[in-house]
N, C-alpha and C. Protein backbone atom coordinates (compact mmCIF):
# COMPACT_ATOMS: atom_id res chain seq x y z
N MET A 1 56.32 -26.35 131.92
CA MET A 1 54.99 -24.66 132.60
C MET A 1 55.64 -24.15 131.10
N ASN A 2 56.59 -23.58 130.85
CA ASN A 2 56.94 -23.09 129.83
C ASN A 2 56.58 -22.77 128.26
N ILE A 3 56.31 -24.51 128.24
CA ILE A 3 55.62 -24.73 126.90
C ILE A 3 54.37 -24.10 126.79
N LEU A 4 53.79 -24.08 127.94
CA LEU A 4 51.90 -23.04 127.83
C LEU A 4 52.35 -22.03 127.53
N LEU A 5 53.70 -21.27 127.55
CA LEU A 5 53.76 -19.52 127.23
C LEU A 5 54.18 -19.83 125.50
N MET A 6 54.22 -20.84 124.82
CA MET A 6 54.46 -20.93 123.74
C MET A 6 52.84 -21.38 122.33
N LEU A 7 52.08 -22.61 123.67
CA LEU A 7 51.24 -22.99 122.81
C LEU A 7 50.14 -22.26 122.72
N ILE A 8 49.65 -21.14 123.75
CA ILE A 8 48.35 -20.17 124.05
C ILE A 8 48.64 -19.68 122.65
N PRO A 9 49.63 -18.73 122.61
CA PRO A 9 49.14 -17.89 121.07
C PRO A 9 49.45 -18.50 120.31
N VAL A 10 50.37 -19.82 119.67
CA VAL A 10 50.01 -20.41 119.00
C VAL A 10 48.76 -20.59 118.42
N THR A 11 47.82 -21.28 119.50
CA THR A 11 46.24 -22.04 119.79
C THR A 11 45.82 -21.11 118.92
N VAL A 12 45.84 -19.70 119.96
CA VAL A 12 44.90 -18.65 119.49
C VAL A 12 45.47 -17.77 117.63
N LEU A 13 46.30 -18.24 117.68
CA LEU A 13 46.75 -17.74 116.24
C LEU A 13 45.72 -18.87 114.90
N LEU A 14 46.06 -19.81 115.76
CA LEU A 14 45.50 -20.71 114.33
C LEU A 14 43.81 -20.85 114.43
N LEU A 15 43.32 -20.31 115.48
CA LEU A 15 41.86 -19.90 115.90
C LEU A 15 41.89 -18.88 114.68
N LEU A 16 42.55 -17.84 114.94
CA LEU A 16 41.96 -16.68 114.45
C LEU A 16 42.30 -16.77 112.98
N VAL A 17 42.97 -17.51 112.14
CA VAL A 17 42.85 -18.28 110.61
C VAL A 17 41.99 -18.60 110.49
N ALA A 18 41.77 -19.97 110.91
CA ALA A 18 40.44 -20.34 111.05
C ALA A 18 39.02 -19.24 110.78
N VAL A 19 38.98 -19.29 112.01
CA VAL A 19 38.11 -18.03 111.58
C VAL A 19 37.69 -17.12 110.62
N ALA A 20 38.97 -16.32 110.53
CA ALA A 20 39.32 -15.52 108.79
C ALA A 20 39.28 -16.51 107.47
N LEU A 21 39.70 -17.60 107.54
CA LEU A 21 39.24 -18.49 106.28
C LEU A 21 37.57 -18.74 106.44
N PHE A 22 36.84 -19.18 107.67
CA PHE A 22 35.56 -19.22 107.26
C PHE A 22 34.79 -18.18 106.26
N PHE A 23 34.65 -17.03 107.83
CA PHE A 23 34.23 -15.67 106.69
C PHE A 23 34.59 -15.38 105.23
N TRP A 24 35.83 -15.70 105.10
CA TRP A 24 36.70 -15.47 103.52
C TRP A 24 35.44 -16.14 102.56
N ALA A 25 35.16 -17.67 103.64
CA ALA A 25 34.69 -18.80 101.95
C ALA A 25 33.10 -18.66 102.16
N VAL A 26 32.45 -17.99 103.47
CA VAL A 26 31.04 -17.48 103.11
C VAL A 26 30.98 -16.12 103.22
N ASN A 27 31.84 -14.88 102.55
CA ASN A 27 32.25 -13.78 101.70
C ASN A 27 31.75 -14.40 99.96
N HIS A 28 32.52 -15.44 100.00
CA HIS A 28 32.84 -15.55 98.60
C HIS A 28 31.96 -16.79 97.62
N GLN A 29 30.07 -17.34 98.78
CA GLN A 29 29.60 -17.97 98.35
C GLN A 29 29.88 -19.09 97.86
N GLN A 30 30.55 -19.68 99.01
CA GLN A 30 31.37 -21.15 99.12
C GLN A 30 30.50 -22.19 99.72
N PHE A 31 29.07 -21.62 100.23
CA PHE A 31 28.25 -22.65 101.19
C PHE A 31 26.41 -21.83 100.50
N ASP A 32 26.70 -21.70 99.32
CA ASP A 32 25.28 -21.18 98.88
C ASP A 32 24.50 -22.47 98.49
N ASP A 33 24.98 -23.29 97.46
CA ASP A 33 24.50 -24.02 96.91
C ASP A 33 24.97 -25.63 97.74
N LEU A 34 24.86 -26.43 98.46
CA LEU A 34 25.27 -27.37 98.78
C LEU A 34 24.98 -28.95 98.25
N ASP A 35 23.78 -28.16 97.97
CA ASP A 35 22.80 -29.54 97.77
C ASP A 35 23.07 -30.29 95.68
N SER A 36 23.20 -29.48 95.23
CA SER A 36 23.75 -28.93 93.61
C SER A 36 24.60 -29.85 93.57
N PRO A 37 26.22 -29.76 93.82
CA PRO A 37 27.25 -30.98 93.63
C PRO A 37 26.94 -31.83 93.94
N ALA A 38 25.93 -32.38 95.31
CA ALA A 38 25.86 -33.72 95.69
C ALA A 38 24.91 -34.70 95.03
N ILE A 39 23.75 -34.48 94.15
CA ILE A 39 23.34 -34.99 93.13
C ILE A 39 23.79 -35.00 91.61
N LEU A 40 24.81 -34.26 91.18
CA LEU A 40 25.22 -33.81 89.70
C LEU A 40 25.90 -35.48 89.47
N PRO A 41 26.51 -36.27 90.48
CA PRO A 41 26.87 -37.74 89.89
C PRO A 41 25.89 -38.76 89.61
N LEU A 42 24.65 -38.39 90.38
CA LEU A 42 23.10 -39.18 90.72
C LEU A 42 23.05 -39.35 89.26
N LEU A 43 22.88 -37.87 88.25
CA LEU A 43 22.21 -37.52 87.18
C LEU A 43 22.61 -38.55 86.13
N ASP A 44 21.73 -38.82 84.67
CA ASP A 44 22.37 -40.03 83.94
C ASP A 44 22.78 -38.72 82.90
N ASP A 45 23.82 -38.62 82.40
CA ASP A 45 24.08 -38.28 80.74
C ASP A 45 23.35 -38.18 79.77
N PRO A 46 23.85 -36.61 79.42
CA PRO A 46 22.59 -36.60 78.30
C PRO A 46 22.84 -37.98 76.74
N PRO A 47 21.66 -38.51 76.16
CA PRO A 47 22.12 -39.56 75.46
C PRO A 47 23.26 -38.86 74.41
N PRO A 48 24.20 -39.17 73.83
CA PRO A 48 24.89 -38.48 72.67
C PRO A 48 24.75 -38.76 71.56
N GLU A 49 24.58 -37.83 70.67
CA GLU A 49 24.22 -37.34 69.34
C GLU A 49 24.50 -38.36 68.60
N GLU A 50 23.63 -39.40 68.14
CA GLU A 50 24.25 -40.06 66.63
C GLU A 50 24.27 -39.03 65.19
N SER A 51 25.51 -39.31 64.70
CA SER A 51 26.07 -38.32 63.77
C SER A 51 26.10 -39.27 62.67
N LEU A 52 25.40 -38.48 61.26
CA LEU A 52 24.90 -39.17 60.02
C LEU A 52 26.66 -39.76 59.81
N PRO A 53 26.60 -40.41 58.38
CA PRO A 53 28.10 -40.61 58.17
C PRO A 53 28.20 -39.85 57.13
N ASP A 54 29.30 -39.43 57.11
CA ASP A 54 29.79 -38.29 56.18
C ASP A 54 30.20 -38.55 55.32
N GLU A 55 29.34 -38.01 53.72
CA GLU A 55 29.06 -38.41 52.59
C GLU A 55 30.45 -37.15 51.99
N THR A 56 30.94 -36.66 52.77
CA THR A 56 32.19 -35.96 51.85
C THR A 56 33.67 -36.87 52.15
N ALA A 57 33.59 -38.16 52.77
CA ALA A 57 34.80 -38.52 53.21
C ALA A 57 34.56 -39.48 51.87
N PRO A 58 35.76 -39.70 51.44
CA PRO A 58 36.15 -40.65 50.16
C PRO A 58 35.33 -42.09 51.03
N PRO A 59 35.26 -43.11 49.62
CA PRO A 59 34.68 -44.45 50.14
C PRO A 59 35.98 -45.21 50.57
N THR A 60 35.91 -46.29 51.38
CA THR A 60 36.56 -47.24 51.74
C THR A 60 36.67 -47.84 51.24
N GLN A 61 38.23 -49.18 50.46
CA GLN A 61 38.13 -49.67 49.44
C GLN A 61 38.41 -51.06 50.47
N ASP A 62 38.09 -51.77 50.21
CA ASP A 62 38.21 -52.92 50.26
C ASP A 62 39.79 -54.04 50.44
N ILE A 63 40.20 -54.45 50.95
CA ILE A 63 41.47 -55.15 50.86
C ILE A 63 41.50 -56.17 50.78
N VAL A 64 41.66 -56.99 49.33
CA VAL A 64 41.21 -58.34 49.14
C VAL A 64 42.89 -58.82 49.21
């Protein structure tokens, strides 16, 4: 029975911390956009830009 004297205040404390963290997250716009992060992995990557050969580089020599 004595354990209840300890568990009830600990439970109330944990509940208050959870509520405080929830309101902190709401105030810091953590729940504003829930759809975009879920869609981002499904989007195609943009095509890579094709680079032109570098004309300033010295010509490569064939090793015989």
